């Protein structure tokens, strides 16, 4: 039972980190796409 509790915390920690990273990557990708279309760089002019 002690091992099950320890694994429970590690799995929760890993899933939390992966979830936060996924949300941040999605927001960063969205912002970069919106900014790229609103303010095109020198290559796209």
N, C-alpha and C. Protein backbone atom coordinates (compact mmCIF):
# COMPACT_ATOMS: atom_id res chain seq x y z
N UNK A 1 0.81 -1.20 0.00
CA UNK A 1 0.00 0.00 0.00
C UNK A 1 0.85 1.27 0.00
N UNK A 2 2.01 1.20 0.62
CA UNK A 2 2.87 2.39 0.64
C UNK A 2 3.38 2.69 -0.77
N UNK A 3 3.76 1.65 -1.50
CA UNK A 3 4.24 1.86 -2.88
C UNK A 3 3.15 2.44 -3.76
N UNK A 4 1.91 2.02 -3.57
CA UNK A 4 0.81 2.55 -4.37
C UNK A 4 0.63 4.04 -4.11
N UNK A 5 0.77 4.45 -2.87
CA UNK A 5 0.61 5.86 -2.55
C UNK A 5 1.74 6.69 -3.15
N UNK A 6 2.96 6.16 -3.11
CA UNK A 6 4.10 6.88 -3.68
C UNK A 6 3.92 7.04 -5.19
N UNK A 7 3.53 5.96 -5.88
CA UNK A 7 3.32 6.05 -7.32
C UNK A 7 2.17 7.00 -7.65
N UNK A 8 1.19 7.04 -6.80
CA UNK A 8 0.06 7.95 -7.02
C UNK A 8 0.55 9.39 -7.08
N UNK A 9 1.43 9.77 -6.18
CA UNK A 9 1.94 11.14 -6.16
C UNK A 9 2.82 11.42 -7.37
N UNK A 10 3.66 10.46 -7.76
CA UNK A 10 4.54 10.67 -8.90
C UNK A 10 3.75 10.79 -10.20
N UNK A 11 2.74 9.96 -10.36
CA UNK A 11 1.91 10.04 -11.56
C UNK A 11 1.16 11.37 -11.60
N UNK A 12 0.66 11.80 -10.47
CA UNK A 12 -0.01 13.10 -10.41
C UNK A 12 0.93 14.24 -10.75
N UNK A 13 2.14 14.18 -10.25
CA UNK A 13 3.13 15.22 -10.54
C UNK A 13 3.47 15.25 -12.02
N UNK A 14 3.71 14.09 -12.61
CA UNK A 14 4.04 14.01 -14.03
C UNK A 14 2.88 14.53 -14.89
N UNK A 15 1.67 14.10 -14.57
CA UNK A 15 0.52 14.55 -15.35
C UNK A 15 0.29 16.06 -15.21
N UNK A 16 0.55 16.60 -14.05
CA UNK A 16 0.41 18.04 -13.85
C UNK A 16 1.43 18.80 -14.68
N UNK A 17 2.66 18.36 -14.67
CA UNK A 17 3.71 19.03 -15.44
C UNK A 17 3.42 18.94 -16.94
N UNK A 18 3.00 17.77 -17.40
CA UNK A 18 2.68 17.60 -18.82
C UNK A 18 1.48 18.46 -19.20
N UNK A 19 0.48 18.53 -18.35
CA UNK A 19 -0.70 19.34 -18.63
C UNK A 19 -0.37 20.82 -18.71
N UNK A 20 0.43 21.31 -17.77
CA UNK A 20 0.82 22.72 -17.78
C UNK A 20 1.66 23.03 -19.02
N UNK A 21 2.59 22.13 -19.35
CA UNK A 21 3.43 22.35 -20.54
C UNK A 21 2.59 22.36 -21.81
N UNK A 22 1.57 21.50 -21.88
CA UNK A 22 0.70 21.46 -23.05
C UNK A 22 -0.09 22.75 -23.19
N UNK A 23 -0.62 23.24 -22.10
CA UNK A 23 -1.39 24.48 -22.14
C UNK A 23 -0.49 25.65 -22.54
N UNK A 24 0.70 25.73 -21.98
CA UNK A 24 1.62 26.81 -22.32
C UNK A 24 2.05 26.74 -23.78
N UNK A 25 2.31 25.53 -24.29
CA UNK A 25 2.69 25.38 -25.69
C UNK A 25 1.55 25.77 -26.62
N UNK A 26 0.32 25.42 -26.24
CA UNK A 26 -0.84 25.79 -27.06
C UNK A 26 -1.03 27.30 -27.08
N UNK A 27 -0.91 27.94 -25.93
CA UNK A 27 -1.06 29.40 -25.87
C UNK A 27 0.06 30.08 -26.64
N UNK A 28 1.29 29.61 -26.49
CA UNK A 28 2.41 30.21 -27.20
C UNK A 28 2.26 30.03 -28.72
N UNK A 29 1.82 28.87 -29.15
CA UNK A 29 1.59 28.64 -30.57
C UNK A 29 0.50 29.52 -31.13
N UNK A 30 -0.57 29.67 -30.39
CA UNK A 30 -1.67 30.52 -30.82
C UNK A 30 -1.22 31.98 -30.93
N UNK A 31 -0.53 32.45 -29.91
CA UNK A 31 -0.07 33.84 -29.92
C UNK A 31 0.91 34.07 -31.06
N UNK A 32 1.81 33.11 -31.29
CA UNK A 32 2.77 33.30 -32.38
C UNK A 32 2.09 33.30 -33.73
N UNK A 33 1.07 32.47 -33.92
CA UNK A 33 0.35 32.47 -35.20
C UNK A 33 -0.42 33.76 -35.39
N UNK A 34 -1.08 34.24 -34.35
CA UNK A 34 -1.86 35.48 -34.46
C UNK A 34 -0.93 36.66 -34.69
N UNK A 35 0.18 36.71 -33.98
CA UNK A 35 1.13 37.80 -34.14
C UNK A 35 1.78 37.75 -35.52
N UNK A 36 2.07 36.55 -36.02
CA UNK A 36 2.70 36.43 -37.33
C UNK A 36 1.78 36.94 -38.43
N UNK A 37 0.49 36.73 -38.31
CA UNK A 37 -0.42 37.22 -39.34
C UNK A 37 -0.69 38.72 -39.18
N UNK A 38 -0.65 39.21 -37.97
CA UNK A 38 -0.93 40.64 -37.75
C UNK A 38 0.28 41.51 -38.07
N UNK A 39 1.47 41.04 -37.68
CA UNK A 39 2.70 41.77 -37.93
C UNK A 39 3.67 40.88 -38.70
N UNK A 40 3.55 40.85 -40.03
CA UNK A 40 4.45 39.97 -40.80
C UNK A 40 5.89 40.48 -40.74
N UNK A 41 6.81 39.55 -40.78
CA UNK A 41 8.23 39.90 -40.74
C UNK A 41 8.71 40.36 -42.11
N UNK A 42 10.01 40.54 -42.24
CA UNK A 42 10.59 41.00 -43.50
C UNK A 42 10.43 39.97 -44.60
N UNK A 43 10.43 38.69 -44.25
CA UNK A 43 10.33 37.63 -45.26
C UNK A 43 8.95 37.64 -45.92
N UNK A 44 7.91 37.99 -45.19
CA UNK A 44 6.55 37.86 -45.69
C UNK A 44 5.97 39.14 -46.31
N UNK A 45 6.77 40.16 -46.42
CA UNK A 45 6.23 41.43 -46.94
C UNK A 45 6.16 41.44 -48.42
